[in-house]
N, C-alpha and C. Protein backbone atom coordinates (compact mmCIF):
# COMPACT_ATOMS: atom_id res chain seq x y z
N UNK A 1 93.54 124.76 67.08
CA UNK A 1 92.32 124.28 67.69
C UNK A 1 91.26 125.37 67.56
N UNK A 2 90.09 125.05 67.00
CA UNK A 2 89.06 126.06 66.79
C UNK A 2 88.46 126.50 68.13
N UNK A 3 88.06 127.75 68.18
CA UNK A 3 87.43 128.28 69.39
C UNK A 3 86.03 127.72 69.52
N UNK A 4 85.65 127.39 70.75
CA UNK A 4 84.31 126.87 71.00
C UNK A 4 83.48 127.94 71.70
N UNK A 5 82.19 127.94 71.40
CA UNK A 5 81.34 128.86 72.15
C UNK A 5 81.14 128.28 73.55
N UNK A 6 80.68 129.05 74.51
CA UNK A 6 80.57 128.59 75.91
C UNK A 6 79.72 127.34 76.07
N UNK A 7 78.63 127.21 75.31
CA UNK A 7 77.78 126.03 75.43
C UNK A 7 78.51 124.77 74.97
N UNK A 8 79.24 124.86 73.86
CA UNK A 8 80.00 123.70 73.36
C UNK A 8 81.08 123.31 74.36
N UNK A 9 81.75 124.31 74.94
CA UNK A 9 82.81 124.03 75.92
C UNK A 9 82.23 123.34 77.16
N UNK A 10 81.08 123.83 77.65
CA UNK A 10 80.43 123.22 78.81
C UNK A 10 80.05 121.78 78.52
N UNK A 11 79.47 121.52 77.34
CA UNK A 11 79.08 120.16 76.95
C UNK A 11 80.29 119.25 76.86
N UNK A 12 81.39 119.77 76.31
CA UNK A 12 82.62 119.00 76.19
C UNK A 12 83.18 118.65 77.57
N UNK A 13 83.18 119.63 78.47
CA UNK A 13 83.68 119.39 79.83
C UNK A 13 82.79 118.40 80.57
N UNK A 14 81.48 118.51 80.42
CA UNK A 14 80.55 117.58 81.08
C UNK A 14 80.77 116.17 80.56
N UNK A 15 80.99 116.05 79.24
CA UNK A 15 81.24 114.73 78.65
C UNK A 15 82.52 114.13 79.19
N UNK A 16 83.58 114.94 79.32
CA UNK A 16 84.85 114.45 79.86
C UNK A 16 84.70 114.02 81.30
N UNK A 17 84.00 114.81 82.11
CA UNK A 17 83.79 114.45 83.52
C UNK A 17 82.97 113.19 83.64
N UNK A 18 81.96 113.03 82.79
CA UNK A 18 81.15 111.83 82.82
C UNK A 18 82.00 110.61 82.49
N UNK A 19 82.88 110.72 81.50
CA UNK A 19 83.77 109.63 81.12
C UNK A 19 84.70 109.27 82.27
N UNK A 20 85.24 110.27 82.95
CA UNK A 20 86.12 110.03 84.10
C UNK A 20 85.33 109.36 85.22
N UNK A 21 84.12 109.82 85.48
CA UNK A 21 83.28 109.24 86.52
C UNK A 21 82.97 107.79 86.24
N UNK A 22 82.73 107.44 84.99
CA UNK A 22 82.47 106.05 84.65
C UNK A 22 83.70 105.19 84.90
N UNK A 23 84.90 105.69 84.61
CA UNK A 23 86.11 104.93 84.85
C UNK A 23 86.34 104.73 86.34
N UNK A 24 86.05 105.75 87.14
CA UNK A 24 86.24 105.65 88.58
C UNK A 24 85.26 104.64 89.17
N UNK A 25 84.03 104.60 88.66
CA UNK A 25 83.00 103.72 89.20
C UNK A 25 83.12 102.28 88.70
N UNK A 26 84.08 101.97 87.85
CA UNK A 26 84.28 100.62 87.35
C UNK A 26 84.77 99.74 88.49
N UNK A 27 84.15 98.60 88.66
CA UNK A 27 84.53 97.67 89.73
C UNK A 27 85.52 96.67 89.17
N UNK A 28 86.69 96.56 89.83
CA UNK A 28 87.75 95.66 89.37
C UNK A 28 88.30 94.86 90.54
N UNK A 29 88.89 93.73 90.24
CA UNK A 29 89.51 92.85 91.23
C UNK A 29 90.84 93.46 91.67
N UNK A 30 91.07 93.52 92.99
CA UNK A 30 92.31 94.11 93.49
C UNK A 30 93.52 93.20 93.30
N UNK A 31 93.31 91.95 92.90
CA UNK A 31 94.44 91.03 92.68
C UNK A 31 94.79 90.97 91.20
N UNK A 32 93.82 90.63 90.35
CA UNK A 32 94.13 90.47 88.92
C UNK A 32 93.80 91.72 88.10
N UNK A 33 93.09 92.67 88.68
CA UNK A 33 92.71 93.94 88.06
C UNK A 33 91.70 93.81 86.92
N UNK A 34 91.14 92.61 86.72
CA UNK A 34 90.11 92.44 85.69
C UNK A 34 88.81 93.06 86.20
N UNK A 35 88.05 93.62 85.28
CA UNK A 35 86.82 94.31 85.65
C UNK A 35 85.62 93.36 85.59
N UNK A 36 84.73 93.49 86.56
CA UNK A 36 83.46 92.77 86.56
C UNK A 36 83.58 91.30 86.90
N UNK A 37 82.41 90.65 86.96
CA UNK A 37 82.37 89.22 87.23
C UNK A 37 82.95 88.47 86.05
N UNK A 38 83.50 87.30 86.32
CA UNK A 38 84.16 86.51 85.29
C UNK A 38 83.67 85.08 85.40
N UNK A 39 83.34 84.41 84.27
CA UNK A 39 82.85 83.04 84.35
C UNK A 39 83.87 82.06 84.94
N UNK A 40 85.14 82.34 84.78
CA UNK A 40 86.19 81.45 85.31
C UNK A 40 86.60 81.87 86.73
N UNK A 41 86.79 83.16 86.94
CA UNK A 41 87.28 83.66 88.22
C UNK A 41 86.18 83.84 89.25
N UNK A 42 84.94 83.81 88.82
CA UNK A 42 83.82 83.93 89.74
C UNK A 42 83.37 85.37 89.93
N UNK A 43 82.51 85.51 90.90
CA UNK A 43 81.92 86.83 91.20
C UNK A 43 82.92 87.70 91.94
N UNK A 44 82.74 89.00 91.81
CA UNK A 44 83.50 89.94 92.62
C UNK A 44 82.84 90.03 93.98
N UNK A 45 83.62 89.85 95.03
CA UNK A 45 83.10 89.91 96.40
C UNK A 45 83.89 90.95 97.18
N UNK A 46 83.38 91.35 98.32
CA UNK A 46 84.12 92.26 99.21
C UNK A 46 84.24 91.56 100.56
N UNK A 47 85.27 90.74 100.74
CA UNK A 47 85.39 89.89 101.93
C UNK A 47 85.99 90.58 103.15
N UNK A 48 86.38 91.83 103.04
CA UNK A 48 87.03 92.51 104.17
C UNK A 48 86.53 93.95 104.27
N UNK A 49 87.19 94.76 105.06
CA UNK A 49 86.76 96.14 105.27
C UNK A 49 87.40 97.14 104.32
N UNK A 50 88.16 96.67 103.33
CA UNK A 50 88.77 97.59 102.37
C UNK A 50 87.66 98.34 101.62
N UNK A 51 87.99 99.54 101.15
CA UNK A 51 87.00 100.33 100.43
C UNK A 51 87.62 100.88 99.16
N UNK A 52 86.83 101.54 98.38
CA UNK A 52 87.32 102.14 97.14
C UNK A 52 87.74 101.08 96.14
N UNK A 53 88.85 101.33 95.45
CA UNK A 53 89.30 100.41 94.40
C UNK A 53 89.85 99.10 94.97
N UNK A 54 90.12 99.04 96.26
CA UNK A 54 90.65 97.83 96.89
C UNK A 54 89.57 96.97 97.51
N UNK A 55 88.31 97.34 97.32
CA UNK A 55 87.21 96.65 97.99
C UNK A 55 86.92 95.28 97.40
N UNK A 56 86.98 95.13 96.09
CA UNK A 56 86.49 93.91 95.44
C UNK A 56 87.62 92.98 94.99
N UNK A 57 87.31 91.68 95.01
CA UNK A 57 88.23 90.65 94.57
C UNK A 57 87.41 89.50 94.01
N UNK A 58 87.90 88.84 92.95
CA UNK A 58 87.23 87.64 92.45
C UNK A 58 87.42 86.52 93.47
N UNK A 59 86.41 85.70 93.63
CA UNK A 59 86.48 84.60 94.59
C UNK A 59 87.68 83.70 94.30
N UNK A 60 87.88 83.30 93.05
CA UNK A 60 88.99 82.41 92.70
C UNK A 60 90.35 83.08 92.94
N UNK A 61 90.46 84.37 92.66
CA UNK A 61 91.72 85.09 92.91
C UNK A 61 92.04 85.06 94.40
N UNK A 62 91.03 85.31 95.24
CA UNK A 62 91.24 85.29 96.68
C UNK A 62 91.62 83.89 97.16
N UNK A 63 90.93 82.87 96.64
CA UNK A 63 91.24 81.50 97.05
C UNK A 63 92.67 81.11 96.65
N UNK A 64 93.09 81.49 95.45
CA UNK A 64 94.47 81.19 95.03
C UNK A 64 95.49 81.92 95.90
N UNK A 65 95.22 83.18 96.20
CA UNK A 65 96.14 83.96 97.03
C UNK A 65 96.24 83.37 98.43
N UNK A 66 95.10 82.97 99.00
CA UNK A 66 95.13 82.36 100.34
C UNK A 66 95.84 81.01 100.31
N UNK A 67 95.63 80.24 99.25
CA UNK A 67 96.31 78.94 99.11
C UNK A 67 97.82 79.13 99.04
N UNK A 68 98.29 80.21 98.45
CA UNK A 68 99.72 80.46 98.34
C UNK A 68 100.35 80.76 99.71
N UNK A 69 99.53 81.07 100.69
CA UNK A 69 100.02 81.36 102.03
C UNK A 69 100.18 80.10 102.88
N UNK A 70 99.75 78.96 102.35
CA UNK A 70 99.85 77.68 103.06
C UNK A 70 101.03 76.89 102.49
N UNK A 71 101.93 76.46 103.36
CA UNK A 71 103.10 75.70 102.93
C UNK A 71 103.14 74.39 103.69
N UNK A 72 103.45 73.30 102.99
CA UNK A 72 103.59 72.01 103.66
C UNK A 72 104.97 71.43 103.35
N UNK A 73 105.46 70.67 104.31
CA UNK A 73 106.77 70.04 104.18
C UNK A 73 106.64 68.61 104.65
N UNK A 74 106.99 67.66 103.77
CA UNK A 74 106.86 66.26 104.12
C UNK A 74 108.24 65.67 104.37
N UNK A 75 108.33 64.93 105.47
CA UNK A 75 109.58 64.28 105.84
C UNK A 75 109.24 62.91 106.42
N UNK A 76 109.56 61.87 105.67
CA UNK A 76 109.23 60.53 106.14
C UNK A 76 107.72 60.35 106.22
N UNK A 77 107.25 60.00 107.43
CA UNK A 77 105.82 59.77 107.63
C UNK A 77 105.10 61.00 108.18
N UNK A 78 105.78 62.12 108.29
CA UNK A 78 105.18 63.31 108.88
C UNK A 78 105.05 64.43 107.85
N UNK A 79 103.98 65.17 108.00
CA UNK A 79 103.77 66.35 107.17
C UNK A 79 103.60 67.54 108.10
N UNK A 80 104.36 68.58 107.86
CA UNK A 80 104.25 69.80 108.67
C UNK A 80 103.61 70.89 107.81
N UNK A 81 102.65 71.57 108.40
CA UNK A 81 101.97 72.67 107.71
C UNK A 81 102.35 73.98 108.38
N UNK A 82 102.60 74.96 107.58
CA UNK A 82 102.91 76.29 108.07
C UNK A 82 102.12 77.27 107.22
N UNK A 83 101.49 78.22 107.85
CA UNK A 83 100.73 79.20 107.08
C UNK A 83 100.83 80.58 107.73
N UNK A 84 100.66 81.54 106.87
CA UNK A 84 100.58 82.92 107.33
C UNK A 84 99.11 83.19 107.64
N UNK A 85 98.84 84.14 108.51
CA UNK A 85 97.44 84.41 108.84
C UNK A 85 96.61 84.74 107.60
N UNK A 86 95.36 84.33 107.64
CA UNK A 86 94.45 84.61 106.53
C UNK A 86 93.77 85.95 106.76
N UNK A 87 94.59 87.00 106.83
CA UNK A 87 94.11 88.36 107.05
C UNK A 87 94.37 89.18 105.79
N UNK A 88 93.54 90.19 105.59
CA UNK A 88 93.78 91.14 104.51
C UNK A 88 95.04 91.92 104.84
N UNK A 89 95.94 92.00 103.90
CA UNK A 89 97.20 92.71 104.14
C UNK A 89 97.01 94.22 104.23
N UNK A 90 95.89 94.73 103.75
CA UNK A 90 95.65 96.17 103.76
C UNK A 90 94.89 96.61 105.01
N UNK A 91 93.70 96.04 105.24
CA UNK A 91 92.89 96.48 106.37
C UNK A 91 93.06 95.60 107.61
N UNK A 92 93.76 94.49 107.47
CA UNK A 92 94.09 93.56 108.57
C UNK A 92 92.89 92.77 109.10
N UNK A 93 91.75 92.83 108.42
CA UNK A 93 90.60 92.04 108.86
C UNK A 93 90.81 90.59 108.46
N UNK A 94 90.43 89.67 109.35
CA UNK A 94 90.53 88.24 109.06
C UNK A 94 89.48 87.88 108.01
N UNK A 95 89.90 87.10 106.99
CA UNK A 95 88.95 86.67 105.97
C UNK A 95 88.03 85.61 106.56
N UNK A 96 86.75 85.63 106.19
CA UNK A 96 85.82 84.62 106.70
C UNK A 96 86.08 83.27 106.03
N UNK A 97 85.80 82.20 106.75
CA UNK A 97 85.94 80.87 106.14
C UNK A 97 84.83 80.61 105.13
N UNK A 98 83.64 81.10 105.43
CA UNK A 98 82.50 80.93 104.52
C UNK A 98 81.85 82.28 104.34
N UNK A 99 81.18 82.42 103.23
CA UNK A 99 80.51 83.69 102.93
C UNK A 99 79.16 83.36 102.31
N UNK A 100 78.12 84.05 102.71
CA UNK A 100 76.79 83.81 102.18
C UNK A 100 76.20 85.10 101.63
N UNK A 101 76.54 85.45 100.37
CA UNK A 101 75.97 86.68 99.80
C UNK A 101 74.53 86.45 99.37
N UNK A 102 73.64 86.72 100.29
CA UNK A 102 72.19 86.57 100.13
C UNK A 102 71.81 85.10 99.94
N UNK A 103 71.94 84.54 98.75
CA UNK A 103 71.45 83.20 98.49
C UNK A 103 72.58 82.20 98.27
N UNK A 104 73.55 82.55 97.45
CA UNK A 104 74.60 81.64 97.06
C UNK A 104 75.74 81.66 98.08
N UNK A 105 75.96 80.54 98.75
CA UNK A 105 77.05 80.43 99.72
C UNK A 105 78.28 79.89 99.02
N UNK A 106 79.45 80.29 99.47
CA UNK A 106 80.68 79.76 98.91
C UNK A 106 81.74 79.74 100.00
N UNK A 107 82.72 78.86 99.83
CA UNK A 107 83.80 78.71 100.80
C UNK A 107 84.97 79.57 100.36
N UNK A 108 85.41 80.45 101.26
CA UNK A 108 86.55 81.32 100.95
C UNK A 108 87.84 80.60 101.26
N UNK A 109 87.96 80.04 102.46
CA UNK A 109 89.16 79.32 102.88
C UNK A 109 88.77 77.87 103.10
N UNK A 110 89.44 76.95 102.40
CA UNK A 110 89.12 75.53 102.57
C UNK A 110 90.23 74.81 103.29
């Protein structure tokens, strides 16, 4: 490996730190881990008090995960519903039924 002068080394280190900073600042869904808004999965929202890399989730990912917590059992003419609380498993905050991010409203739990 060739020796670098101090200015080249400083520039190289700054470039590496900038690259790491960009990776850290990337917003990703805490369920599917996809980055950014998605035309199919919807916008990234922060429906609870989680922070850092666990803060954001796609609306559709959250809706699917909450739907998986609802179980129904049919017997004859009766249907029994059982569900686990609609709380964040990490911060324990209850998810809102509706959310209004400035202009566009959407239903989180239906």
